[in-house]
Amino acid sequence: MYTIEDINSSDKIFYYLLQNGQLSEDKERELYRMYSESEEIMNLVKKLGENCRCRVEKYSGVIYIIPYEDNDFLGYSKGELKKLLCKSNCNDKDYYLSQFVILTLLVEFYSSQGKSSKCRDFIKSGEFLNIISARLKQGVEKENLEEFQDRTGIAYTNILERWEALRSSDKQTKAKTTKEGFIYTILNFLEKQGLINYIEADDMIITTSKLDNFMDWNILNKNNYERVVKALGDDEN
């Protein structure tokens, strides 16, 4: 049995999560303690999340709301992401390139087997551009390429084609038709989600504690980690 006070408290917490995406003790002490100290309230909040096709989880002292992969209401649909990340007349190849860029960024930051999966503190966007090019070229040079692409689910040949179709620029640019601008758009999107900080003046990409927590406690569980490694063809190493 749940009391009216429990139900009201869980509603307040869930509404706060919908507004802000996360709840920490330093930002909203009363709501945080309600969730953390009452199993009844915590269960009610989690049930509200399930009914809205998302999960509510607490990682490293922060409560997060995490939409299911197919939740286009609280998350993003493929069409919405294409509009945000790619040029106006983009096709699926551009979209898959954007996803490959994000996947590569995660692998570069989180490939440690230690207590934390994080293996570096920052990366320069210029270095990141070179890494993307190198990984795509390594992909198309694999033996039995068709079988490799079918197994990993990544069409390296198509993605490399779209990557090389983008112009290169010696200057900082935000044009999505350039490699630099394409990367900038993705970094800007991730920054708005609270996952990274991109310091343009220093050309430096830094991850946030939110992304660190997601990677260690949610994304890189054993099954997901093996999926990522196989997708990039590193399972042989």
C-alpha atoms as a PDB file:
ATOM      1  CA  MET A   1       0.000   0.000   0.000  1.00  0.00           C
ATOM      2  CA  TYR A   2       1.245   3.462  -0.880  1.00  0.00           C
ATOM      3  CA  THR A   3       0.187   6.621   0.908  1.00  0.00           C
ATOM      4  CA  ILE A   4      -1.046   9.764  -0.811  1.00  0.00           C
ATOM      5  CA  GLU A   5       2.149  11.478   0.407  1.00  0.00           C
ATOM      6  CA  ASP A   6       4.283   8.799  -1.289  1.00  0.00           C
ATOM      7  CA  ILE A   7       2.394   9.203  -4.558  1.00  0.00           C
ATOM      8  CA  ASN A   8       2.642  13.007  -4.453  1.00  0.00           C
ATOM      9  CA  SER A   9       6.376  12.837  -3.687  1.00  0.00           C
ATOM     10  CA  SER A  10       7.053  10.369  -6.504  1.00  0.00           C
ATOM     11  CA  ASP A  11       5.123  12.588  -8.935  1.00  0.00           C
ATOM     12  CA  LYS A  12       7.222  15.605  -7.929  1.00  0.00           C
ATOM     13  CA  ILE A  13      10.471  13.660  -8.384  1.00  0.00           C
ATOM     14  CA  PHE A  14       9.468  12.267 -11.764  1.00  0.00           C
ATOM     15  CA  TYR A  15       8.330  15.664 -13.019  1.00  0.00           C
ATOM     16  CA  TYR A  16      11.673  17.136 -11.937  1.00  0.00           C
ATOM     17  CA  LEU A  17      13.483  14.387 -13.864  1.00  0.00           C
ATOM     18  CA  LEU A  18      11.383  15.090 -16.950  1.00  0.00           C
ATOM     19  CA  GLN A  19      12.337  18.772 -16.736  1.00  0.00           C
ATOM     20  CA  ASN A  20      16.028  18.364 -15.943  1.00  0.00           C
ATOM     21  CA  GLY A  21      17.080  14.856 -16.964  1.00  0.00           C
ATOM     22  CA  GLN A  22      18.827  14.233 -13.658  1.00  0.00           C
ATOM     23  CA  LEU A  23      18.495  14.888  -9.929  1.00  0.00           C
ATOM     24  CA  SER A  24      21.396  15.452  -7.541  1.00  0.00           C
ATOM     25  CA  GLU A  25      21.477  16.199  -3.826  1.00  0.00           C
ATOM     26  CA  ASP A  26      23.284  19.524  -4.224  1.00  0.00           C
ATOM     27  CA  LYS A  27      20.616  20.812  -6.652  1.00  0.00           C
ATOM     28  CA  GLU A  28      17.439  19.488  -4.989  1.00  0.00           C
ATOM     29  CA  ARG A  29      18.224  18.033  -1.572  1.00  0.00           C
ATOM     30  CA  GLU A  30      14.647  17.336  -0.417  1.00  0.00           C
ATOM     31  CA  LEU A  31      13.585  15.403  -3.537  1.00  0.00           C
ATOM     32  CA  TYR A  32      16.878  13.516  -3.620  1.00  0.00           C
ATOM     33  CA  ARG A  33      16.496  12.360  -0.021  1.00  0.00           C
ATOM     34  CA  MET A  34      12.869  11.345  -0.597  1.00  0.00           C
ATOM     35  CA  TYR A  35      13.978   9.042  -3.412  1.00  0.00           C
ATOM     36  CA  SER A  36      17.084   7.716  -1.655  1.00  0.00           C
ATOM     37  CA  GLU A  37      15.556   7.103   1.782  1.00  0.00           C
ATOM     38  CA  SER A  38      12.169   5.640   0.854  1.00  0.00           C
ATOM     39  CA  GLU A  39      11.917   2.353  -1.016  1.00  0.00           C
ATOM     40  CA  GLU A  40       8.214   2.997  -1.623  1.00  0.00           C
ATOM     41  CA  ILE A  41       8.871   6.351  -3.324  1.00  0.00           C
ATOM     42  CA  MET A  42      11.793   4.930  -5.321  1.00  0.00           C
ATOM     43  CA  ASN A  43       9.615   2.065  -6.594  1.00  0.00           C
ATOM     44  CA  LEU A  44       6.825   4.465  -7.556  1.00  0.00           C
ATOM     45  CA  VAL A  45       9.250   6.698  -9.495  1.00  0.00           C
ATOM     46  CA  LYS A  46      10.698   3.684 -11.297  1.00  0.00           C
ATOM     47  CA  LYS A  47       7.180   2.498 -12.167  1.00  0.00           C
ATOM     48  CA  LEU A  48       6.325   5.929 -13.572  1.00  0.00           C
ATOM     49  CA  GLY A  49       9.461   5.627 -15.686  1.00  0.00           C
ATOM     50  CA  GLU A  50       8.460   2.205 -17.006  1.00  0.00           C
ATOM     51  CA  ASN A  51       5.012   3.530 -17.940  1.00  0.00           C
ATOM     52  CA  CYS A  52       6.720   6.310 -19.927  1.00  0.00           C
ATOM     53  CA  ARG A  53       9.128   3.836 -21.588  1.00  0.00           C
ATOM     54  CA  CYS A  54      12.230   4.895 -19.723  1.00  0.00           C
ATOM     55  CA  ARG A  55      14.335   3.795 -16.767  1.00  0.00           C
ATOM     56  CA  VAL A  56      15.194   5.722 -13.627  1.00  0.00           C
ATOM     57  CA  GLU A  57      18.635   4.816 -12.263  1.00  0.00           C
ATOM     58  CA  LYS A  58      20.974   6.185  -9.616  1.00  0.00           C
ATOM     59  CA  TYR A  59      24.688   6.277 -10.491  1.00  0.00           C
ATOM     60  CA  SER A  60      27.410   7.791  -8.288  1.00  0.00           C
ATOM     61  CA  GLY A  61      24.993   9.871  -6.255  1.00  0.00           C
ATOM     62  CA  VAL A  62      22.950  11.204  -9.199  1.00  0.00           C
ATOM     63  CA  ILE A  63      19.482  10.036 -10.271  1.00  0.00           C
ATOM     64  CA  TYR A  64      18.982   9.877 -14.065  1.00  0.00           C
ATOM     65  CA  ILE A  65      16.034   9.313 -16.378  1.00  0.00           C
ATOM     66  CA  ILE A  66      17.071   7.170 -19.365  1.00  0.00           C
ATOM     67  CA  PRO A  67      14.646   6.744 -22.295  1.00  0.00           C
ATOM     68  CA  TYR A  68      14.378   3.336 -23.952  1.00  0.00           C
ATOM     69  CA  GLU A  69      16.023   3.106 -27.371  1.00  0.00           C
ATOM     70  CA  ASP A  70      12.662   3.268 -29.150  1.00  0.00           C
ATOM     71  CA  ASN A  71      11.328   6.165 -27.045  1.00  0.00           C
ATOM     72  CA  ASP A  72      11.028   8.996 -29.574  1.00  0.00           C
ATOM     73  CA  PHE A  73       9.030  11.180 -27.179  1.00  0.00           C
ATOM     74  CA  LEU A  74      11.649  11.586 -24.460  1.00  0.00           C
ATOM     75  CA  GLY A  75      14.540  10.696 -26.762  1.00  0.00           C
ATOM     76  CA  TYR A  76      15.242  11.317 -30.456  1.00  0.00           C
ATOM     77  CA  SER A  77      13.952   9.582 -33.541  1.00  0.00           C
ATOM     78  CA  LYS A  78      16.287   8.759 -36.415  1.00  0.00           C
ATOM     79  CA  GLY A  79      14.651  11.508 -38.494  1.00  0.00           C
ATOM     80  CA  GLU A  80      15.174  14.109 -35.760  1.00  0.00           C
ATOM     81  CA  LEU A  81      18.824  13.154 -35.377  1.00  0.00           C
ATOM     82  CA  LYS A  82      19.391  13.384 -39.127  1.00  0.00           C
ATOM     83  CA  LYS A  83      18.085  16.968 -39.101  1.00  0.00           C
ATOM     84  CA  LEU A  84      20.213  17.911 -36.090  1.00  0.00           C
ATOM     85  CA  LEU A  85      23.481  16.211 -37.036  1.00  0.00           C
ATOM     86  CA  CYS A  86      23.613  16.175 -40.833  1.00  0.00           C
ATOM     87  CA  LYS A  87      23.278  18.581 -43.746  1.00  0.00           C
ATOM     88  CA  SER A  88      19.837  19.474 -45.094  1.00  0.00           C
ATOM     89  CA  ASN A  89      19.844  17.049 -48.056  1.00  0.00           C
ATOM     90  CA  CYS A  90      21.409  14.174 -46.140  1.00  0.00           C
ATOM     91  CA  ASN A  91      20.709  10.485 -46.650  1.00  0.00           C
ATOM     92  CA  ASP A  92      21.129   7.417 -44.451  1.00  0.00           C
ATOM     93  CA  LYS A  93      24.853   7.232 -45.190  1.00  0.00           C
ATOM     94  CA  ASP A  94      25.352  10.662 -43.582  1.00  0.00           C
ATOM     95  CA  TYR A  95      23.330   9.555 -40.563  1.00  0.00           C
ATOM     96  CA  TYR A  96      25.355   6.354 -40.136  1.00  0.00           C
ATOM     97  CA  LEU A  97      28.545   8.387 -40.403  1.00  0.00           C
ATOM     98  CA  SER A  98      27.348  10.601 -37.544  1.00  0.00           C
ATOM     99  CA  GLN A  99      26.665   7.516 -35.398  1.00  0.00           C
ATOM    100  CA  PHE A 100      30.074   6.074 -36.265  1.00  0.00           C
ATOM    101  CA  VAL A 101      31.694   9.351 -35.135  1.00  0.00           C
ATOM    102  CA  ILE A 102      29.907   9.170 -31.766  1.00  0.00           C
ATOM    103  CA  LEU A 103      30.794   5.497 -31.340  1.00  0.00           C
ATOM    104  CA  THR A 104      34.453   6.211 -32.119  1.00  0.00           C
ATOM    105  CA  LEU A 105      34.522   9.073 -29.596  1.00  0.00           C
ATOM    106  CA  LEU A 106      33.204   6.748 -26.884  1.00  0.00           C
ATOM    107  CA  VAL A 107      35.772   4.073 -27.694  1.00  0.00           C
ATOM    108  CA  GLU A 108      38.632   6.604 -27.570  1.00  0.00           C
ATOM    109  CA  PHE A 109      37.616   7.779 -24.093  1.00  0.00           C
ATOM    110  CA  TYR A 110      36.407   4.498 -22.620  1.00  0.00           C
ATOM    111  CA  SER A 111      38.543   1.481 -23.396  1.00  0.00           C
ATOM    112  CA  SER A 112      40.267   0.849 -20.062  1.00  0.00           C
ATOM    113  CA  GLN A 113      39.871  -2.478 -18.266  1.00  0.00           C
ATOM    114  CA  GLY A 114      40.593  -0.947 -14.863  1.00  0.00           C
ATOM    115  CA  LYS A 115      38.298   0.229 -12.083  1.00  0.00           C
ATOM    116  CA  SER A 116      36.896   2.826 -14.481  1.00  0.00           C
ATOM    117  CA  SER A 117      36.538   2.371 -18.235  1.00  0.00           C
ATOM    118  CA  LYS A 118      37.794   5.908 -18.851  1.00  0.00           C
ATOM    119  CA  CYS A 119      41.303   5.887 -20.311  1.00  0.00           C
ATOM    120  CA  ARG A 120      42.003   9.553 -21.130  1.00  0.00           C
ATOM    121  CA  ASP A 121      41.036  13.007 -19.865  1.00  0.00           C
ATOM    122  CA  PHE A 122      40.716  14.883 -23.154  1.00  0.00           C
ATOM    123  CA  ILE A 123      41.193  14.688 -26.882  1.00  0.00           C
ATOM    124  CA  LYS A 124      41.899  17.398 -29.447  1.00  0.00           C
ATOM    125  CA  SER A 125      39.353  17.608 -32.246  1.00  0.00           C
ATOM    126  CA  GLY A 126      42.186  17.628 -34.827  1.00  0.00           C
ATOM    127  CA  GLU A 127      43.474  14.328 -33.445  1.00  0.00           C
ATOM    128  CA  PHE A 128      39.922  13.001 -33.393  1.00  0.00           C
ATOM    129  CA  LEU A 129      39.515  13.755 -37.112  1.00  0.00           C
ATOM    130  CA  ASN A 130      42.623  11.692 -37.862  1.00  0.00           C
ATOM    131  CA  ILE A 131      41.375   8.817 -35.698  1.00  0.00           C
ATOM    132  CA  ILE A 132      38.052   8.674 -37.562  1.00  0.00           C
ATOM    133  CA  SER A 133      39.828   8.561 -40.921  1.00  0.00           C
ATOM    134  CA  ALA A 134      42.196   5.849 -39.698  1.00  0.00           C
ATOM    135  CA  ARG A 135      39.431   3.642 -38.280  1.00  0.00           C
ATOM    136  CA  LEU A 136      37.357   3.883 -41.457  1.00  0.00           C
ATOM    137  CA  LYS A 137      40.343   2.983 -43.628  1.00  0.00           C
ATOM    138  CA  GLN A 138      41.194   0.072 -41.336  1.00  0.00           C
ATOM    139  CA  GLY A 139      37.602  -1.107 -41.708  1.00  0.00           C
ATOM    140  CA  VAL A 140      37.613  -1.215 -45.509  1.00  0.00           C
ATOM    141  CA  GLU A 141      40.998  -2.955 -45.534  1.00  0.00           C
ATOM    142  CA  LYS A 142      39.703  -5.950 -43.568  1.00  0.00           C
ATOM    143  CA  GLU A 143      39.923  -9.384 -45.157  1.00  0.00           C
ATOM    144  CA  ASN A 144      36.569 -10.798 -46.253  1.00  0.00           C
ATOM    145  CA  LEU A 145      35.131  -7.284 -46.128  1.00  0.00           C
ATOM    146  CA  GLU A 146      31.525  -8.213 -46.963  1.00  0.00           C
ATOM    147  CA  GLU A 147      31.418 -10.874 -44.262  1.00  0.00           C
ATOM    148  CA  PHE A 148      33.037  -8.448 -41.780  1.00  0.00           C
ATOM    149  CA  GLN A 149      30.500  -5.718 -42.564  1.00  0.00           C
ATOM    150  CA  ASP A 150      27.586  -8.148 -42.220  1.00  0.00           C
ATOM    151  CA  ARG A 151      28.912  -9.383 -38.891  1.00  0.00           C
ATOM    152  CA  THR A 152      29.561  -5.952 -37.388  1.00  0.00           C
ATOM    153  CA  GLY A 153      26.537  -4.229 -38.885  1.00  0.00           C
ATOM    154  CA  ILE A 154      28.703  -1.316 -40.078  1.00  0.00           C
ATOM    155  CA  ALA A 155      28.966  -0.579 -43.809  1.00  0.00           C
ATOM    156  CA  TYR A 156      32.501   0.787 -43.732  1.00  0.00           C
ATOM    157  CA  THR A 157      32.677   1.328 -47.484  1.00  0.00           C
ATOM    158  CA  ASN A 158      29.551   3.522 -47.536  1.00  0.00           C
ATOM    159  CA  ILE A 159      30.546   5.469 -44.424  1.00  0.00           C
ATOM    160  CA  LEU A 160      34.086   6.081 -45.720  1.00  0.00           C
ATOM    161  CA  GLU A 161      32.608   7.312 -48.992  1.00  0.00           C
ATOM    162  CA  ARG A 162      30.508   9.915 -47.158  1.00  0.00           C
ATOM    163  CA  TRP A 163      33.436  10.923 -44.951  1.00  0.00           C
ATOM    164  CA  GLU A 164      35.761  11.500 -47.898  1.00  0.00           C
ATOM    165  CA  ALA A 165      33.018  13.423 -49.727  1.00  0.00           C
ATOM    166  CA  LEU A 166      33.205  16.075 -46.994  1.00  0.00           C
ATOM    167  CA  ARG A 167      35.664  18.887 -47.699  1.00  0.00           C
ATOM    168  CA  SER A 168      38.616  19.561 -45.404  1.00  0.00           C
ATOM    169  CA  SER A 169      39.374  23.039 -44.090  1.00  0.00           C
ATOM    170  CA  ASP A 170      42.440  24.574 -42.484  1.00  0.00           C
ATOM    171  CA  LYS A 171      40.205  26.972 -40.555  1.00  0.00           C
ATOM    172  CA  GLN A 172      37.636  26.374 -37.849  1.00  0.00           C
ATOM    173  CA  THR A 173      34.285  26.121 -39.595  1.00  0.00           C
ATOM    174  CA  LYS A 174      30.748  25.115 -38.670  1.00  0.00           C
ATOM    175  CA  ALA A 175      29.660  24.199 -42.200  1.00  0.00           C
ATOM    176  CA  LYS A 176      28.248  20.651 -42.209  1.00  0.00           C
ATOM    177  CA  THR A 177      29.716  20.083 -45.673  1.00  0.00           C
ATOM    178  CA  THR A 178      33.238  20.029 -44.182  1.00  0.00           C
ATOM    179  CA  LYS A 179      34.804  17.393 -41.957  1.00  0.00           C
ATOM    180  CA  GLU A 180      35.510  20.025 -39.305  1.00  0.00           C
ATOM    181  CA  GLY A 181      31.958  21.377 -39.391  1.00  0.00           C
ATOM    182  CA  PHE A 182      30.434  17.898 -39.364  1.00  0.00           C
ATOM    183  CA  ILE A 183      32.399  17.034 -36.222  1.00  0.00           C
ATOM    184  CA  TYR A 184      31.598  20.404 -34.630  1.00  0.00           C
ATOM    185  CA  THR A 185      27.843  19.818 -35.091  1.00  0.00           C
ATOM    186  CA  ILE A 186      28.073  16.449 -33.337  1.00  0.00           C
ATOM    187  CA  LEU A 187      30.185  17.830 -30.495  1.00  0.00           C
ATOM    188  CA  ASN A 188      27.761  20.712 -30.033  1.00  0.00           C
ATOM    189  CA  PHE A 189      24.850  18.270 -29.852  1.00  0.00           C
ATOM    190  CA  LEU A 190      26.622  16.092 -27.253  1.00  0.00           C
ATOM    191  CA  GLU A 191      27.469  19.191 -25.227  1.00  0.00           C
ATOM    192  CA  LYS A 192      23.802  20.247 -25.149  1.00  0.00           C
ATOM    193  CA  GLN A 193      22.968  16.779 -23.802  1.00  0.00           C
ATOM    194  CA  GLY A 194      25.414  17.359 -20.946  1.00  0.00           C
ATOM    195  CA  LEU A 195      27.707  14.542 -22.106  1.00  0.00           C
ATOM    196  CA  ILE A 196      30.845  16.466 -23.084  1.00  0.00           C
ATOM    197  CA  ASN A 197      32.411  19.895 -22.855  1.00  0.00           C
ATOM    198  CA  TYR A 198      33.990  21.226 -26.037  1.00  0.00           C
ATOM    199  CA  ILE A 199      36.440  24.058 -25.353  1.00  0.00           C
ATOM    200  CA  GLU A 200      36.760  25.705 -28.765  1.00  0.00           C
ATOM    201  CA  ALA A 201      39.577  28.066 -27.767  1.00  0.00           C
ATOM    202  CA  ASP A 202      41.786  25.088 -26.860  1.00  0.00           C
ATOM    203  CA  ASP A 203      40.273  22.732 -29.458  1.00  0.00           C
ATOM    204  CA  MET A 204      39.699  20.277 -26.605  1.00  0.00           C
ATOM    205  CA  ILE A 205      36.978  17.677 -25.963  1.00  0.00           C
ATOM    206  CA  ILE A 206      36.355  16.695 -22.326  1.00  0.00           C
ATOM    207  CA  THR A 207      33.737  14.260 -21.047  1.00  0.00           C
ATOM    208  CA  THR A 208      31.347  15.094 -18.197  1.00  0.00           C
ATOM    209  CA  SER A 209      30.658  13.059 -15.068  1.00  0.00           C
ATOM    210  CA  LYS A 210      27.228  12.272 -16.559  1.00  0.00           C
ATOM    211  CA  LEU A 211      28.795  10.462 -19.520  1.00  0.00           C
ATOM    212  CA  ASP A 212      31.437   8.852 -17.288  1.00  0.00           C
ATOM    213  CA  ASN A 213      28.680   7.423 -15.097  1.00  0.00           C
ATOM    214  CA  PHE A 214      26.627   6.211 -18.052  1.00  0.00           C
ATOM    215  CA  MET A 215      29.599   4.441 -19.574  1.00  0.00           C
ATOM    216  CA  ASP A 216      30.790   2.752 -16.384  1.00  0.00           C
ATOM    217  CA  TRP A 217      27.421   1.766 -14.940  1.00  0.00           C
ATOM    218  CA  ASN A 218      25.103   1.390 -17.924  1.00  0.00           C
ATOM    219  CA  ILE A 219      26.517   1.387 -21.454  1.00  0.00           C
ATOM    220  CA  LEU A 220      29.617  -0.719 -20.902  1.00  0.00           C
ATOM    221  CA  ASN A 221      28.167  -3.660 -19.125  1.00  0.00           C
ATOM    222  CA  LYS A 222      29.665  -6.887 -20.440  1.00  0.00           C
ATOM    223  CA  ASN A 223      27.170  -7.466 -23.256  1.00  0.00           C
ATOM    224  CA  ASN A 224      27.208  -3.890 -24.542  1.00  0.00           C
ATOM    225  CA  TYR A 225      30.996  -3.682 -24.351  1.00  0.00           C
ATOM    226  CA  GLU A 226      31.394  -6.790 -26.499  1.00  0.00           C
ATOM    227  CA  ARG A 227      28.934  -5.340 -29.047  1.00  0.00           C
ATOM    228  CA  VAL A 228      31.003  -2.148 -29.316  1.00  0.00           C
ATOM    229  CA  VAL A 229      34.320  -3.974 -29.619  1.00  0.00           C
ATOM    230  CA  LYS A 230      33.037  -6.328 -32.323  1.00  0.00           C
ATOM    231  CA  ALA A 231      31.435  -3.444 -34.238  1.00  0.00           C
ATOM    232  CA  LEU A 232      34.810  -1.742 -34.557  1.00  0.00           C
ATOM    233  CA  GLY A 233      36.584  -4.977 -35.419  1.00  0.00           C
ATOM    234  CA  ASP A 234      38.872  -4.971 -32.396  1.00  0.00           C
ATOM    235  CA  ASP A 235      37.794  -8.336 -30.999  1.00  0.00           C
ATOM    236  CA  GLU A 236      40.899  -9.970 -32.501  1.00  0.00           C
ATOM    237  CA  ASN A 237      43.010  -7.811 -30.155  1.00  0.00           C
END
